[in-house]
């Protein structure tokens, strides 16, 4: 078993995506990978303590240990509650506005 893992860390904005491929030590966590990626330097508005992370579209805890070829995703906060947005759309359709 190798002592290093090849992984990717990705953060996407509507107009731009940043993907960083790197090697990390075996046993590295999702949060440690984000720190090592340098993405927090590129996006200083991100707070490491508040990040929502995932691996291949599946939410994970910051202390989740990574495996070979994992892609750690940094999720942006939702702009609207999905349930409220759905209710609003349904009300618009019912009122003939949709």
PDB file of N, CA and C in Angstrom:
ATOM      1  N   UNK A   1       0.837  -1.192   0.000  1.00  0.00           N
ATOM      2  CA  UNK A   1       0.000   0.000   0.000  1.00  0.00           C
ATOM      3  C   UNK A   1       0.875   1.247   0.000  1.00  0.00           C
ATOM      4  N   UNK A   2       0.557   2.193  -0.850  1.00  0.00           N
ATOM      5  CA  UNK A   2       1.334   3.423  -0.958  1.00  0.00           C
ATOM      6  C   UNK A   2       1.110   4.313   0.253  1.00  0.00           C
ATOM      7  N   UNK A   3       2.125   5.084   0.585  1.00  0.00           N
ATOM      8  CA  UNK A   3       1.980   6.003   1.714  1.00  0.00           C
ATOM      9  C   UNK A   3       1.404   7.345   1.270  1.00  0.00           C
ATOM     10  N   UNK A   4       1.131   7.487  -0.033  1.00  0.00           N
ATOM     11  CA  UNK A   4       0.537   8.718  -0.570  1.00  0.00           C
ATOM     12  C   UNK A   4      -0.698   8.393  -1.397  1.00  0.00           C
ATOM     13  N   UNK A   5      -1.623   9.331  -1.423  1.00  0.00           N
ATOM     14  CA  UNK A   5      -2.848   9.207  -2.203  1.00  0.00           C
ATOM     15  C   UNK A   5      -2.908  10.320  -3.231  1.00  0.00           C
ATOM     16  N   UNK A   6      -3.365  10.011  -4.421  1.00  0.00           N
ATOM     17  CA  UNK A   6      -3.614  11.022  -5.443  1.00  0.00           C
ATOM     18  C   UNK A   6      -5.078  11.413  -5.349  1.00  0.00           C
ATOM     19  N   UNK A   7      -5.332  12.684  -5.060  1.00  0.00           N
ATOM     20  CA  UNK A   7      -6.705  13.160  -4.875  1.00  0.00           C
ATOM     21  C   UNK A   7      -6.881  14.493  -5.597  1.00  0.00           C
ATOM     22  N   UNK A   8      -8.102  14.972  -5.628  1.00  0.00           N
ATOM     23  CA  UNK A   8      -8.416  16.296  -6.169  1.00  0.00           C
ATOM     24  C   UNK A   8      -9.274  17.035  -5.163  1.00  0.00           C
ATOM     25  N   UNK A   9      -9.116  18.357  -5.143  1.00  0.00           N
ATOM     26  CA  UNK A   9      -9.977  19.230  -4.350  1.00  0.00           C
ATOM     27  C   UNK A   9     -10.579  20.236  -5.323  1.00  0.00           C
ATOM     28  N   UNK A  10     -11.894  20.421  -5.252  1.00  0.00           N
ATOM     29  CA  UNK A  10     -12.565  21.292  -6.213  1.00  0.00           C
ATOM     30  C   UNK A  10     -13.506  22.257  -5.500  1.00  0.00           C
ATOM     31  N   UNK A  11     -13.541  23.481  -6.030  1.00  0.00           N
ATOM     32  CA  UNK A  11     -14.476  24.507  -5.560  1.00  0.00           C
ATOM     33  C   UNK A  11     -15.012  25.211  -6.794  1.00  0.00           C
ATOM     34  N   UNK A  12     -16.323  25.310  -6.890  1.00  0.00           N
ATOM     35  CA  UNK A  12     -16.923  25.893  -8.087  1.00  0.00           C
ATOM     36  C   UNK A  12     -17.817  27.071  -7.740  1.00  0.00           C
ATOM     37  N   UNK A  13     -17.640  28.119  -8.501  1.00  0.00           N
ATOM     38  CA  UNK A  13     -18.515  29.286  -8.469  1.00  0.00           C
ATOM     39  C   UNK A  13     -19.289  29.283  -9.777  1.00  0.00           C
ATOM     40  N   UNK A  14     -20.356  30.061  -9.890  1.00  0.00           N
ATOM     41  CA  UNK A  14     -21.111  30.057 -11.150  1.00  0.00           C
ATOM     42  C   UNK A  14     -20.246  30.371 -12.373  1.00  0.00           C
ATOM     43  N   UNK A  15     -19.271  31.246 -12.229  1.00  0.00           N
ATOM     44  CA  UNK A  15     -18.479  31.666 -13.379  1.00  0.00           C
ATOM     45  C   UNK A  15     -17.087  31.028 -13.448  1.00  0.00           C
ATOM     46  N   UNK A  16     -16.706  30.247 -12.422  1.00  0.00           N
ATOM     47  CA  UNK A  16     -15.340  29.733 -12.385  1.00  0.00           C
ATOM     48  C   UNK A  16     -15.254  28.479 -11.524  1.00  0.00           C
ATOM     49  N   UNK A  17     -14.441  27.527 -11.965  1.00  0.00           N
ATOM     50  CA  UNK A  17     -14.187  26.315 -11.189  1.00  0.00           C
ATOM     51  C   UNK A  17     -12.690  26.193 -10.948  1.00  0.00           C
ATOM     52  N   UNK A  18     -12.336  25.835  -9.735  1.00  0.00           N
ATOM     53  CA  UNK A  18     -10.932  25.599  -9.409  1.00  0.00           C
ATOM     54  C   UNK A  18     -10.782  24.144  -8.999  1.00  0.00           C
ATOM     55  N   UNK A  19      -9.889  23.448  -9.672  1.00  0.00           N
ATOM     56  CA  UNK A  19      -9.616  22.053  -9.369  1.00  0.00           C
ATOM     57  C   UNK A  19      -8.121  21.920  -9.126  1.00  0.00           C
ATOM     58  N   UNK A  20      -7.770  21.341  -7.984  1.00  0.00           N
ATOM     59  CA  UNK A  20      -6.372  21.158  -7.620  1.00  0.00           C
ATOM     60  C   UNK A  20      -6.115  19.668  -7.427  1.00  0.00           C
ATOM     61  N   UNK A  21      -5.217  19.122  -8.215  1.00  0.00           N
ATOM     62  CA  UNK A  21      -4.799  17.727  -8.052  1.00  0.00           C
ATOM     63  C   UNK A  21      -3.560  17.727  -7.165  1.00  0.00           C
ATOM     64  N   UNK A  22      -3.535  16.844  -6.179  1.00  0.00           N
ATOM     65  CA  UNK A  22      -2.376  16.788  -5.306  1.00  0.00           C
ATOM     66  C   UNK A  22      -2.194  15.407  -4.708  1.00  0.00           C
ATOM     67  N   UNK A  23      -1.023  15.202  -4.163  1.00  0.00           N
ATOM     68  CA  UNK A  23      -0.717  13.983  -3.417  1.00  0.00           C
ATOM     69  C   UNK A  23      -0.744  14.340  -1.948  1.00  0.00           C
ATOM     70  N   UNK A  24      -1.417  13.499  -1.183  1.00  0.00           N
ATOM     71  CA  UNK A  24      -1.491  13.700   0.265  1.00  0.00           C
ATOM     72  C   UNK A  24      -1.061  12.404   0.945  1.00  0.00           C
ATOM     73  N   UNK A  25      -0.689  12.521   2.181  1.00  0.00           N
ATOM     74  CA  UNK A  25      -0.279  11.338   2.947  1.00  0.00           C
ATOM     75  C   UNK A  25      -1.484  10.452   3.214  1.00  0.00           C
ATOM     76  N   UNK A  26      -1.269   9.158   3.213  1.00  0.00           N
ATOM     77  CA  UNK A  26      -2.331   8.223   3.582  1.00  0.00           C
ATOM     78  C   UNK A  26      -2.836   8.604   4.971  1.00  0.00           C
ATOM     79  N   UNK A  27      -4.134   8.530   5.165  1.00  0.00           N
ATOM     80  CA  UNK A  27      -4.728   8.939   6.438  1.00  0.00           C
ATOM     81  C   UNK A  27      -5.164  10.385   6.456  1.00  0.00           C
ATOM     82  N   UNK A  28      -4.925  11.117   5.379  1.00  0.00           N
ATOM     83  CA  UNK A  28      -5.315  12.519   5.275  1.00  0.00           C
ATOM     84  C   UNK A  28      -6.838  12.636   5.308  1.00  0.00           C
ATOM     85  N   UNK A  29      -7.338  13.660   5.971  1.00  0.00           N
ATOM     86  CA  UNK A  29      -8.782  13.887   6.032  1.00  0.00           C
ATOM     87  C   UNK A  29      -9.208  14.877   4.948  1.00  0.00           C
ATOM     88  N   UNK A  30     -10.502  14.967   4.724  1.00  0.00           N
ATOM     89  CA  UNK A  30     -11.046  15.889   3.726  1.00  0.00           C
ATOM     90  C   UNK A  30     -10.631  17.325   4.057  1.00  0.00           C
ATOM     91  N   UNK A  31     -10.741  17.713   5.315  1.00  0.00           N
ATOM     92  CA  UNK A  31     -10.382  19.072   5.702  1.00  0.00           C
ATOM     93  C   UNK A  31      -8.881  19.332   5.519  1.00  0.00           C
ATOM     94  N   UNK A  32      -8.051  18.378   5.861  1.00  0.00           N
ATOM     95  CA  UNK A  32      -6.614  18.542   5.674  1.00  0.00           C
ATOM     96  C   UNK A  32      -6.275  18.712   4.201  1.00  0.00           C
ATOM     97  N   UNK A  33      -6.970  17.971   3.334  1.00  0.00           N
ATOM     98  CA  UNK A  33      -6.736  18.093   1.896  1.00  0.00           C
ATOM     99  C   UNK A  33      -7.097  19.490   1.403  1.00  0.00           C
ATOM    100  N   UNK A  34      -8.193  20.033   1.898  1.00  0.00           N
ATOM    101  CA  UNK A  34      -8.585  21.403   1.519  1.00  0.00           C
ATOM    102  C   UNK A  34      -7.498  22.382   1.939  1.00  0.00           C
ATOM    103  N   UNK A  35      -6.997  22.229   3.138  1.00  0.00           N
ATOM    104  CA  UNK A  35      -5.941  23.120   3.625  1.00  0.00           C
ATOM    105  C   UNK A  35      -4.683  22.999   2.766  1.00  0.00           C
ATOM    106  N   UNK A  36      -4.310  21.793   2.401  1.00  0.00           N
ATOM    107  CA  UNK A  36      -3.099  21.569   1.607  1.00  0.00           C
ATOM    108  C   UNK A  36      -3.261  22.032   0.158  1.00  0.00           C
ATOM    109  N   UNK A  37      -4.492  22.096  -0.318  1.00  0.00           N
ATOM    110  CA  UNK A  37      -4.740  22.433  -1.728  1.00  0.00           C
ATOM    111  C   UNK A  37      -4.425  23.887  -2.074  1.00  0.00           C
ATOM    112  N   UNK A  38      -4.468  24.773  -1.092  1.00  0.00           N
ATOM    113  CA  UNK A  38      -4.255  26.193  -1.356  1.00  0.00           C
ATOM    114  C   UNK A  38      -5.514  26.927  -1.803  1.00  0.00           C
ATOM    115  N   UNK A  39      -6.634  26.235  -1.890  1.00  0.00           N
ATOM    116  CA  UNK A  39      -7.879  26.877  -2.326  1.00  0.00           C
ATOM    117  C   UNK A  39      -8.309  27.973  -1.357  1.00  0.00           C
ATOM    118  N   UNK A  40      -8.037  27.793  -0.073  1.00  0.00           N
ATOM    119  CA  UNK A  40      -8.435  28.814   0.902  1.00  0.00           C
ATOM    120  C   UNK A  40      -7.649  30.110   0.715  1.00  0.00           C
ATOM    121  N   UNK A  41      -6.470  30.018   0.140  1.00  0.00           N
ATOM    122  CA  UNK A  41      -5.686  31.216  -0.165  1.00  0.00           C
ATOM    123  C   UNK A  41      -6.297  31.936  -1.365  1.00  0.00           C
ATOM    124  N   UNK A  42      -6.749  31.168  -2.365  1.00  0.00           N
ATOM    125  CA  UNK A  42      -7.373  31.743  -3.554  1.00  0.00           C
ATOM    126  C   UNK A  42      -8.740  32.343  -3.252  1.00  0.00           C
ATOM    127  N   UNK A  43      -9.433  31.784  -2.271  1.00  0.00           N
ATOM    128  CA  UNK A  43     -10.778  32.232  -1.914  1.00  0.00           C
ATOM    129  C   UNK A  43     -10.821  32.547  -0.418  1.00  0.00           C
ATOM    130  N   UNK A  44     -10.285  33.705  -0.019  1.00  0.00           N
ATOM    131  CA  UNK A  44     -10.198  34.016   1.415  1.00  0.00           C
ATOM    132  C   UNK A  44     -11.556  34.167   2.095  1.00  0.00           C
ATOM    133  N   UNK A  45     -12.628  34.280   1.312  1.00  0.00           N
ATOM    134  CA  UNK A  45     -13.964  34.381   1.913  1.00  0.00           C
ATOM    135  C   UNK A  45     -14.433  33.053   2.521  1.00  0.00           C
ATOM    136  N   UNK A  46     -13.761  31.951   2.180  1.00  0.00           N
ATOM    137  CA  UNK A  46     -14.115  30.648   2.735  1.00  0.00           C
ATOM    138  C   UNK A  46     -13.552  30.504   4.141  1.00  0.00           C
ATOM    139  N   UNK A  47     -14.380  30.031   5.056  1.00  0.00           N
ATOM    140  CA  UNK A  47     -13.963  29.800   6.436  1.00  0.00           C
ATOM    141  C   UNK A  47     -13.857  28.295   6.653  1.00  0.00           C
ATOM    142  N   UNK A  48     -12.665  27.813   6.908  1.00  0.00           N
ATOM    143  CA  UNK A  48     -12.417  26.374   7.023  1.00  0.00           C
ATOM    144  C   UNK A  48     -13.323  25.728   8.071  1.00  0.00           C
ATOM    145  N   UNK A  49     -13.706  26.468   9.097  1.00  0.00           N
ATOM    146  CA  UNK A  49     -14.547  25.907  10.162  1.00  0.00           C
ATOM    147  C   UNK A  49     -15.995  25.731   9.727  1.00  0.00           C
ATOM    148  N   UNK A  50     -16.412  26.450   8.684  1.00  0.00           N
ATOM    149  CA  UNK A  50     -17.807  26.412   8.248  1.00  0.00           C
ATOM    150  C   UNK A  50     -18.023  25.652   6.949  1.00  0.00           C
ATOM    151  N   UNK A  51     -16.965  25.091   6.377  1.00  0.00           N
ATOM    152  CA  UNK A  51     -17.084  24.442   5.069  1.00  0.00           C
ATOM    153  C   UNK A  51     -17.965  23.210   5.118  1.00  0.00           C
ATOM    154  N   UNK A  52     -18.779  23.069   4.081  1.00  0.00           N
ATOM    155  CA  UNK A  52     -19.540  21.843   3.843  1.00  0.00           C
ATOM    156  C   UNK A  52     -18.774  21.101   2.756  1.00  0.00           C
ATOM    157  N   UNK A  53     -18.398  19.863   3.044  1.00  0.00           N
ATOM    158  CA  UNK A  53     -17.562  19.095   2.129  1.00  0.00           C
ATOM    159  C   UNK A  53     -18.282  17.842   1.649  1.00  0.00           C
ATOM    160  N   UNK A  54     -17.836  17.348   0.501  1.00  0.00           N
ATOM    161  CA  UNK A  54     -18.368  16.102  -0.024  1.00  0.00           C
ATOM    162  C   UNK A  54     -17.296  15.385  -0.814  1.00  0.00           C
ATOM    163  N   UNK A  55     -17.556  14.126  -1.085  1.00  0.00           N
ATOM    164  CA  UNK A  55     -16.695  13.326  -1.956  1.00  0.00           C
ATOM    165  C   UNK A  55     -17.607  12.736  -3.020  1.00  0.00           C
ATOM    166  N   UNK A  56     -17.359  13.119  -4.267  1.00  0.00           N
ATOM    167  CA  UNK A  56     -18.180  12.660  -5.391  1.00  0.00           C
ATOM    168  C   UNK A  56     -19.675  12.857  -5.104  1.00  0.00           C
ATOM    169  N   UNK A  57     -20.061  14.083  -4.765  1.00  0.00           N
ATOM    170  CA  UNK A  57     -21.456  14.491  -4.561  1.00  0.00           C
ATOM    171  C   UNK A  57     -22.118  13.887  -3.329  1.00  0.00           C
ATOM    172  N   UNK A  58     -21.350  13.309  -2.454  1.00  0.00           N
ATOM    173  CA  UNK A  58     -21.884  12.738  -1.221  1.00  0.00           C
ATOM    174  C   UNK A  58     -21.323  13.520  -0.038  1.00  0.00           C
ATOM    175  N   UNK A  59     -22.181  14.195   0.741  1.00  0.00           N
ATOM    176  CA  UNK A  59     -21.677  14.958   1.884  1.00  0.00           C
ATOM    177  C   UNK A  59     -20.887  14.080   2.852  1.00  0.00           C
ATOM    178  N   UNK A  60     -19.784  14.644   3.347  1.00  0.00           N
ATOM    179  CA  UNK A  60     -18.943  13.925   4.316  1.00  0.00           C
ATOM    180  C   UNK A  60     -18.527  14.881   5.424  1.00  0.00           C
ATOM    181  N   UNK A  61     -18.136  14.311   6.555  1.00  0.00           N
ATOM    182  CA  UNK A  61     -17.601  15.094   7.666  1.00  0.00           C
ATOM    183  C   UNK A  61     -16.176  15.529   7.333  1.00  0.00           C
ATOM    184  N   UNK A  62     -15.755  16.627   7.936  1.00  0.00           N
ATOM    185  CA  UNK A  62     -14.408  17.152   7.681  1.00  0.00           C
ATOM    186  C   UNK A  62     -13.324  16.151   8.044  1.00  0.00           C
ATOM    187  N   UNK A  63     -13.596  15.274   9.017  1.00  0.00           N
ATOM    188  CA  UNK A  63     -12.574  14.316   9.463  1.00  0.00           C
ATOM    189  C   UNK A  63     -12.625  12.979   8.716  1.00  0.00           C
ATOM    190  N   UNK A  64     -13.362  12.917   7.613  1.00  0.00           N
ATOM    191  CA  UNK A  64     -13.424  11.700   6.802  1.00  0.00           C
ATOM    192  C   UNK A  64     -12.063  11.439   6.157  1.00  0.00           C
ATOM    193  N   UNK A  65     -11.543  10.238   6.342  1.00  0.00           N
ATOM    194  CA  UNK A  65     -10.262   9.886   5.732  1.00  0.00           C
ATOM    195  C   UNK A  65     -10.455   9.607   4.247  1.00  0.00           C
ATOM    196  N   UNK A  66      -9.511  10.074   3.466  1.00  0.00           N
ATOM    197  CA  UNK A  66      -9.596   9.956   2.015  1.00  0.00           C
ATOM    198  C   UNK A  66      -9.026   8.634   1.523  1.00  0.00           C
ATOM    199  N   UNK A  67      -9.478   8.280   0.304  1.00  0.00           N
ATOM    200  CA  UNK A  67      -8.963   7.107  -0.388  1.00  0.00           C
ATOM    201  C   UNK A  67      -8.398   7.553  -1.725  1.00  0.00           C
ATOM    202  N   UNK A  68      -7.635   6.686  -2.337  1.00  0.00           N
ATOM    203  CA  UNK A  68      -7.019   6.965  -3.631  1.00  0.00           C
ATOM    204  C   UNK A  68      -8.075   7.451  -4.627  1.00  0.00           C
ATOM    205  N   UNK A  69      -7.748   8.531  -5.330  1.00  0.00           N
ATOM    206  CA  UNK A  69      -8.569   9.126  -6.395  1.00  0.00           C
ATOM    207  C   UNK A  69      -9.859   9.782  -5.910  1.00  0.00           C
ATOM    208  N   UNK A  70      -9.996  10.059  -4.603  1.00  0.00           N
ATOM    209  CA  UNK A  70     -11.170  10.801  -4.129  1.00  0.00           C
ATOM    210  C   UNK A  70     -11.129  12.225  -4.673  1.00  0.00           C
ATOM    211  N   UNK A  71     -12.314  12.798  -4.871  1.00  0.00           N
ATOM    212  CA  UNK A  71     -12.433  14.207  -5.252  1.00  0.00           C
ATOM    213  C   UNK A  71     -13.188  14.902  -4.121  1.00  0.00           C
ATOM    214  N   UNK A  72     -12.488  15.748  -3.380  1.00  0.00           N
ATOM    215  CA  UNK A  72     -13.093  16.488  -2.281  1.00  0.00           C
ATOM    216  C   UNK A  72     -13.746  17.736  -2.866  1.00  0.00           C
ATOM    217  N   UNK A  73     -15.030  17.899  -2.604  1.00  0.00           N
ATOM    218  CA  UNK A  73     -15.783  19.038  -3.134  1.00  0.00           C
ATOM    219  C   UNK A  73     -16.134  19.986  -1.998  1.00  0.00           C
ATOM    220  N   UNK A  74     -15.913  21.260  -2.237  1.00  0.00           N
ATOM    221  CA  UNK A  74     -16.287  22.295  -1.278  1.00  0.00           C
ATOM    222  C   UNK A  74     -17.610  22.875  -1.769  1.00  0.00           C
ATOM    223  N   UNK A  75     -18.640  22.763  -0.936  1.00  0.00           N
ATOM    224  CA  UNK A  75     -19.967  23.220  -1.338  1.00  0.00           C
ATOM    225  C   UNK A  75     -20.213  24.657  -0.904  1.00  0.00           C
ATOM    226  N   UNK A  76     -20.829  25.422  -1.826  1.00  0.00           N
ATOM    227  CA  UNK A  76     -21.227  26.788  -1.502  1.00  0.00           C
ATOM    228  C   UNK A  76     -22.524  26.742  -0.697  1.00  0.00           C
ATOM    229  N   UNK A  77     -22.760  27.767   0.137  1.00  0.00           N
ATOM    230  CA  UNK A  77     -24.033  27.796   0.864  1.00  0.00           C
ATOM    231  C   UNK A  77     -25.194  27.980  -0.116  1.00  0.00           C
ATOM    232  N   UNK A  78     -26.329  27.393   0.210  1.00  0.00           N
ATOM    233  CA  UNK A  78     -27.519  27.560  -0.616  1.00  0.00           C
ATOM    234  C   UNK A  78     -28.016  28.997  -0.516  1.00  0.00           C
ATOM    235  N   UNK A  79     -28.453  29.539  -1.642  1.00  0.00           N
ATOM    236  CA  UNK A  79     -28.993  30.893  -1.648  1.00  0.00           C
ATOM    237  C   UNK A  79     -30.451  30.913  -1.202  1.00  0.00           C
ATOM    238  N   UNK A  80     -31.150  29.800  -1.387  1.00  0.00           N
ATOM    239  CA  UNK A  80     -32.551  29.711  -0.987  1.00  0.00           C
ATOM    240  C   UNK A  80     -32.822  28.297  -0.476  1.00  0.00           C
ATOM    241  N   UNK A  81     -33.744  28.210   0.455  1.00  0.00           N
ATOM    242  CA  UNK A  81     -34.169  26.904   0.953  1.00  0.00           C
ATOM    243  C   UNK A  81     -34.890  26.176  -0.178  1.00  0.00           C
ATOM    244  N   UNK A  82     -34.426  24.975  -0.557  1.00  0.00           N
ATOM    245  CA  UNK A  82     -35.042  24.268  -1.691  1.00  0.00           C
ATOM    246  C   UNK A  82     -36.539  24.029  -1.514  1.00  0.00           C
ATOM    247  N   UNK A  83     -36.981  23.751  -0.295  1.00  0.00           N
ATOM    248  CA  UNK A  83     -38.408  23.523  -0.068  1.00  0.00           C
ATOM    249  C   UNK A  83     -39.211  24.802  -0.298  1.00  0.00           C
ATOM    250  N   UNK A  84     -38.691  25.916   0.190  1.00  0.00           N
ATOM    251  CA  UNK A  84     -39.384  27.192  -0.007  1.00  0.00           C
ATOM    252  C   UNK A  84     -39.421  27.554  -1.482  1.00  0.00           C
ATOM    253  N   UNK A  85     -38.334  27.330  -2.198  1.00  0.00           N
ATOM    254  CA  UNK A  85     -38.295  27.648  -3.628  1.00  0.00           C
ATOM    255  C   UNK A  85     -39.307  26.806  -4.389  1.00  0.00           C
ATOM    256  N   UNK A  86     -39.441  25.534  -4.048  1.00  0.00           N
ATOM    257  CA  UNK A  86     -40.408  24.660  -4.706  1.00  0.00           C
ATOM    258  C   UNK A  86     -41.832  25.144  -4.429  1.00  0.00           C
ATOM    259  N   UNK A  87     -42.108  25.501  -3.184  1.00  0.00           N
ATOM    260  CA  UNK A  87     -43.445  26.015  -2.841  1.00  0.00           C
ATOM    261  C   UNK A  87     -43.761  27.291  -3.630  1.00  0.00           C
ATOM    262  N   UNK A  88     -42.771  28.162  -3.761  1.00  0.00           N
ATOM    263  CA  UNK A  88     -42.967  29.412  -4.510  1.00  0.00           C
ATOM    264  C   UNK A  88     -43.280  29.117  -5.975  1.00  0.00           C
ATOM    265  N   UNK A  89     -42.514  28.185  -6.570  1.00  0.00           N
ATOM    266  CA  UNK A  89     -42.763  27.818  -7.973  1.00  0.00           C
ATOM    267  C   UNK A  89     -44.154  27.215  -8.142  1.00  0.00           C
ATOM    268  N   UNK A  90     -44.544  26.333  -7.210  1.00  0.00           N
ATOM    269  CA  UNK A  90     -45.866  25.713  -7.286  1.00  0.00           C
ATOM    270  C   UNK A  90     -46.968  26.761  -7.158  1.00  0.00           C
ATOM    271  N   UNK A  91     -46.758  27.737  -6.279  1.00  0.00           N
ATOM    272  CA  UNK A  91     -47.762  28.803  -6.116  1.00  0.00           C
ATOM    273  C   UNK A  91     -47.844  29.650  -7.394  1.00  0.00           C
ATOM    274  N   UNK A  92     -46.691  29.904  -8.021  1.00  0.00           N
ATOM    275  CA  UNK A  92     -46.687  30.670  -9.287  1.00  0.00           C
ATOM    276  C   UNK A  92     -47.441  29.934 -10.381  1.00  0.00           C
ATOM    277  N   UNK A  93     -47.254  28.637 -10.481  1.00  0.00           N
ATOM    278  CA  UNK A  93     -47.958  27.834 -11.493  1.00  0.00           C
ATOM    279  C   UNK A  93     -49.452  27.858 -11.218  1.00  0.00           C
ATOM    280  N   UNK A  94     -49.814  27.693  -9.974  1.00  0.00           N
ATOM    281  CA  UNK A  94     -51.234  27.684  -9.599  1.00  0.00           C
ATOM    282  C   UNK A  94     -51.891  29.034  -9.887  1.00  0.00           C
ATOM    283  N   UNK A  95     -51.115  30.123  -9.717  1.00  0.00           N
ATOM    284  CA  UNK A  95     -51.647  31.465  -9.954  1.00  0.00           C
ATOM    285  C   UNK A  95     -51.577  31.850 -11.427  1.00  0.00           C
ATOM    286  N   UNK A  96     -51.034  30.944 -12.262  1.00  0.00           N
ATOM    287  CA  UNK A  96     -50.950  31.225 -13.692  1.00  0.00           C
ATOM    288  C   UNK A  96     -49.769  32.068 -14.101  1.00  0.00           C
ATOM    289  N   UNK A  97     -48.777  32.166 -13.214  1.00  0.00           N
ATOM    290  CA  UNK A  97     -47.576  32.973 -13.529  1.00  0.00           C
ATOM    291  C   UNK A  97     -46.421  32.095 -13.986  1.00  0.00           C
ATOM    292  N   UNK A  98     -46.599  30.789 -14.050  1.00  0.00           N
ATOM    293  CA  UNK A  98     -45.453  29.933 -14.386  1.00  0.00           C
ATOM    294  C   UNK A  98     -45.672  29.150 -15.558  1.00  0.00           C
TER     295      UNK A  98
END
